Amino acid sequence: YYGRVRPFFPGLELGDLSEHQIGIMAVEEKGDTWIIERDKGYHNCIHLVGISSPGLTASLSIAEKVKRMMKDDRL
């Protein structure tokens, strides 16, 4: 997969990637709320939690929101 992804991210190094467990997804207690927020302890980390199947439809909007968050140093 590294070879397929690298053209989109020229600075990407193989060491930047790691495997991730799938099958368990964190969701908000009510189960119907998405959480998209900056980590309080690590400013460069943005959490996206509870984004289920409608998330695919909304993925471009979600990406735009995260992009704005990444540019906004006030958060």
N, C-alpha and C. Protein backbone atom coordinates (compact mmCIF):
# COMPACT_ATOMS: atom_id res chain seq x y z
N TYR A 1 0.82 -1.20 0.00
CA TYR A 1 0.00 0.00 0.00
C TYR A 1 0.86 1.26 0.00
N TYR A 2 2.04 1.16 0.57
CA TYR A 2 2.93 2.32 0.63
C TYR A 2 3.16 2.90 -0.77
N GLY A 3 3.43 2.05 -1.74
CA GLY A 3 3.68 2.49 -3.10
C GLY A 3 2.49 3.20 -3.73
N ARG A 4 1.29 2.78 -3.36
CA ARG A 4 0.07 3.40 -3.92
C ARG A 4 -0.22 4.76 -3.28
N VAL A 5 0.12 4.91 -2.02
CA VAL A 5 -0.20 6.12 -1.28
C VAL A 5 0.86 7.20 -1.46
N ARG A 6 2.11 6.80 -1.63
CA ARG A 6 3.22 7.75 -1.67
C ARG A 6 3.07 8.85 -2.71
N PRO A 7 2.53 8.61 -3.91
CA PRO A 7 2.37 9.72 -4.86
C PRO A 7 1.51 10.87 -4.34
N PHE A 8 0.59 10.58 -3.44
CA PHE A 8 -0.26 11.62 -2.86
C PHE A 8 0.42 12.36 -1.72
N PHE A 9 1.42 11.72 -1.11
CA PHE A 9 2.14 12.28 0.03
C PHE A 9 3.64 12.12 -0.21
N PRO A 10 4.24 12.99 -1.01
CA PRO A 10 5.64 12.82 -1.41
C PRO A 10 6.62 12.72 -0.25
N GLY A 11 6.32 13.35 0.87
CA GLY A 11 7.23 13.31 2.02
C GLY A 11 7.04 12.09 2.91
N LEU A 12 6.11 11.23 2.57
CA LEU A 12 5.79 10.06 3.38
C LEU A 12 6.93 9.05 3.35
N GLU A 13 7.34 8.60 4.51
CA GLU A 13 8.37 7.56 4.65
C GLU A 13 7.70 6.30 5.18
N LEU A 14 8.26 5.17 4.86
CA LEU A 14 7.69 3.90 5.31
C LEU A 14 7.56 3.87 6.83
N GLY A 15 8.51 4.47 7.53
CA GLY A 15 8.47 4.51 9.00
C GLY A 15 7.33 5.36 9.56
N ASP A 16 6.70 6.17 8.71
CA ASP A 16 5.58 6.99 9.15
C ASP A 16 4.30 6.17 9.30
N LEU A 17 4.29 4.97 8.75
CA LEU A 17 3.10 4.14 8.74
C LEU A 17 3.16 3.07 9.82
N SER A 18 2.01 2.73 10.35
CA SER A 18 1.93 1.62 11.30
C SER A 18 0.59 0.93 11.13
N GLU A 19 0.54 -0.33 11.46
CA GLU A 19 -0.71 -1.07 11.39
C GLU A 19 -1.63 -0.61 12.51
N HIS A 20 -2.91 -0.76 12.27
CA HIS A 20 -3.89 -0.32 13.26
C HIS A 20 -4.96 -1.38 13.37
N GLN A 21 -5.37 -1.65 14.59
CA GLN A 21 -6.42 -2.64 14.84
C GLN A 21 -7.75 -2.10 14.33
N ILE A 22 -8.53 -2.96 13.74
CA ILE A 22 -9.86 -2.56 13.30
C ILE A 22 -10.89 -3.47 13.97
N GLY A 23 -12.12 -3.09 13.91
CA GLY A 23 -13.19 -3.93 14.43
C GLY A 23 -13.86 -3.36 15.66
N ILE A 24 -13.18 -2.48 16.38
CA ILE A 24 -13.77 -1.83 17.54
C ILE A 24 -13.69 -0.33 17.29
N MET A 25 -14.83 0.33 17.40
CA MET A 25 -14.85 1.77 17.13
C MET A 25 -15.38 2.49 18.35
N ALA A 26 -14.67 3.53 18.76
CA ALA A 26 -15.15 4.35 19.87
C ALA A 26 -16.33 5.17 19.40
N VAL A 27 -17.38 5.19 20.21
CA VAL A 27 -18.55 6.00 19.89
C VAL A 27 -18.95 6.81 21.12
N GLU A 28 -19.60 7.91 20.88
CA GLU A 28 -20.11 8.74 21.95
C GLU A 28 -21.23 7.98 22.65
N GLU A 29 -21.39 8.18 23.93
CA GLU A 29 -22.34 7.40 24.73
C GLU A 29 -23.74 7.35 24.15
N LYS A 30 -24.23 8.46 23.60
CA LYS A 30 -25.56 8.49 23.01
C LYS A 30 -25.60 7.71 21.70
N GLY A 31 -24.43 7.57 21.06
CA GLY A 31 -24.34 6.78 19.84
C GLY A 31 -24.76 7.49 18.57
N ASP A 32 -25.24 8.72 18.67
CA ASP A 32 -25.67 9.42 17.47
C ASP A 32 -24.94 10.74 17.25
N THR A 33 -23.85 10.93 17.96
CA THR A 33 -23.10 12.17 17.89
C THR A 33 -21.68 11.89 17.41
N TRP A 34 -21.24 12.65 16.43
CA TRP A 34 -19.85 12.57 15.99
C TRP A 34 -19.04 13.54 16.83
N ILE A 35 -17.82 13.15 17.13
CA ILE A 35 -16.92 14.04 17.86
C ILE A 35 -15.73 14.32 16.95
N ILE A 36 -15.53 15.58 16.65
CA ILE A 36 -14.38 16.02 15.87
C ILE A 36 -13.77 17.16 16.67
N GLU A 37 -12.66 16.86 17.35
CA GLU A 37 -12.06 17.88 18.22
C GLU A 37 -10.56 17.69 18.35
N ARG A 38 -9.89 18.78 18.65
CA ARG A 38 -8.45 18.76 18.86
C ARG A 38 -8.15 18.17 20.24
N ASP A 39 -7.10 17.38 20.33
CA ASP A 39 -6.68 16.81 21.60
C ASP A 39 -6.20 17.93 22.52
N LYS A 40 -6.61 17.89 23.76
CA LYS A 40 -6.25 18.95 24.71
C LYS A 40 -4.77 18.93 25.07
N GLY A 41 -4.16 17.75 25.02
CA GLY A 41 -2.75 17.64 25.40
C GLY A 41 -1.79 17.68 24.22
N TYR A 42 -2.27 17.32 23.04
CA TYR A 42 -1.42 17.26 21.85
C TYR A 42 -2.08 18.07 20.75
N HIS A 43 -1.68 19.33 20.62
CA HIS A 43 -2.32 20.29 19.71
C HIS A 43 -2.42 19.79 18.28
N ASN A 44 -1.44 19.02 17.82
CA ASN A 44 -1.44 18.56 16.42
C ASN A 44 -2.28 17.31 16.19
N CYS A 45 -2.95 16.82 17.21
CA CYS A 45 -3.78 15.62 17.08
C CYS A 45 -5.25 16.02 17.08
N ILE A 46 -5.96 15.57 16.06
CA ILE A 46 -7.40 15.85 15.96
C ILE A 46 -8.13 14.51 16.01
N HIS A 47 -9.04 14.37 16.96
CA HIS A 47 -9.80 13.14 17.14
C HIS A 47 -11.08 13.17 16.30
N LEU A 48 -11.36 12.06 15.63
CA LEU A 48 -12.61 11.87 14.91
C LEU A 48 -13.22 10.59 15.46
N VAL A 49 -14.29 10.72 16.23
CA VAL A 49 -14.85 9.59 16.96
C VAL A 49 -16.32 9.40 16.59
N GLY A 50 -16.72 8.15 16.45
CA GLY A 50 -18.13 7.81 16.27
C GLY A 50 -18.67 8.08 14.88
N ILE A 51 -17.80 8.19 13.90
CA ILE A 51 -18.24 8.47 12.54
C ILE A 51 -18.55 7.14 11.87
N SER A 52 -19.82 6.82 11.82
CA SER A 52 -20.26 5.54 11.26
C SER A 52 -20.57 5.67 9.78
N SER A 53 -21.40 4.81 9.26
CA SER A 53 -21.62 4.74 7.81
C SER A 53 -22.01 6.07 7.15
N PRO A 54 -22.77 6.97 7.78
CA PRO A 54 -23.01 8.25 7.10
C PRO A 54 -21.73 9.05 6.91
N GLY A 55 -20.69 8.68 7.64
CA GLY A 55 -19.42 9.38 7.53
C GLY A 55 -18.81 9.28 6.14
N LEU A 56 -19.08 8.20 5.44
CA LEU A 56 -18.56 8.07 4.08
C LEU A 56 -19.20 9.13 3.18
N THR A 57 -20.49 9.31 3.32
CA THR A 57 -21.19 10.33 2.54
C THR A 57 -20.69 11.72 2.91
N ALA A 58 -20.40 11.93 4.18
CA ALA A 58 -19.98 13.25 4.66
C ALA A 58 -18.47 13.41 4.67
N SER A 59 -17.72 12.45 4.14
CA SER A 59 -16.27 12.46 4.28
C SER A 59 -15.61 13.72 3.71
N LEU A 60 -16.11 14.26 2.61
CA LEU A 60 -15.50 15.47 2.06
C LEU A 60 -15.74 16.67 2.98
N SER A 61 -16.93 16.76 3.55
CA SER A 61 -17.22 17.84 4.50
C SER A 61 -16.39 17.68 5.77
N ILE A 62 -16.26 16.45 6.23
CA ILE A 62 -15.44 16.18 7.42
C ILE A 62 -14.00 16.58 7.14
N ALA A 63 -13.50 16.23 5.97
CA ALA A 63 -12.12 16.58 5.60
C ALA A 63 -11.93 18.09 5.57
N GLU A 64 -12.91 18.82 5.06
CA GLU A 64 -12.82 20.28 5.03
C GLU A 64 -12.78 20.85 6.44
N LYS A 65 -13.59 20.30 7.33
CA LYS A 65 -13.60 20.76 8.73
C LYS A 65 -12.24 20.52 9.37
N VAL A 66 -11.69 19.33 9.18
CA VAL A 66 -10.39 19.00 9.77
C VAL A 66 -9.31 19.90 9.16
N LYS A 67 -9.40 20.16 7.87
CA LYS A 67 -8.44 21.05 7.21
C LYS A 67 -8.48 22.44 7.84
N ARG A 68 -9.69 22.96 8.07
CA ARG A 68 -9.82 24.27 8.72
C ARG A 68 -9.24 24.24 10.12
N MET A 69 -9.49 23.15 10.84
CA MET A 69 -8.96 23.02 12.20
C MET A 69 -7.43 23.01 12.19
N MET A 70 -6.86 22.34 11.21
CA MET A 70 -5.41 22.25 11.12
C MET A 70 -4.79 23.63 10.83
N LYS A 71 -5.52 24.48 10.11
CA LYS A 71 -5.00 25.81 9.78
C LYS A 71 -5.23 26.80 10.89
N ASP A 72 -6.17 26.53 11.80
CA ASP A 72 -6.56 27.46 12.84
C ASP A 72 -5.74 27.20 14.10
N ASP A 73 -4.76 28.04 14.37
CA ASP A 73 -3.90 27.86 15.54
C ASP A 73 -4.60 28.27 16.84
N ARG A 74 -5.77 28.87 16.74
CA ARG A 74 -6.48 29.29 17.95
C ARG A 74 -7.12 28.12 18.67
N LEU A 75 -7.29 26.98 18.00
CA LEU A 75 -7.95 25.84 18.64
C LEU A 75 -7.01 25.12 19.56
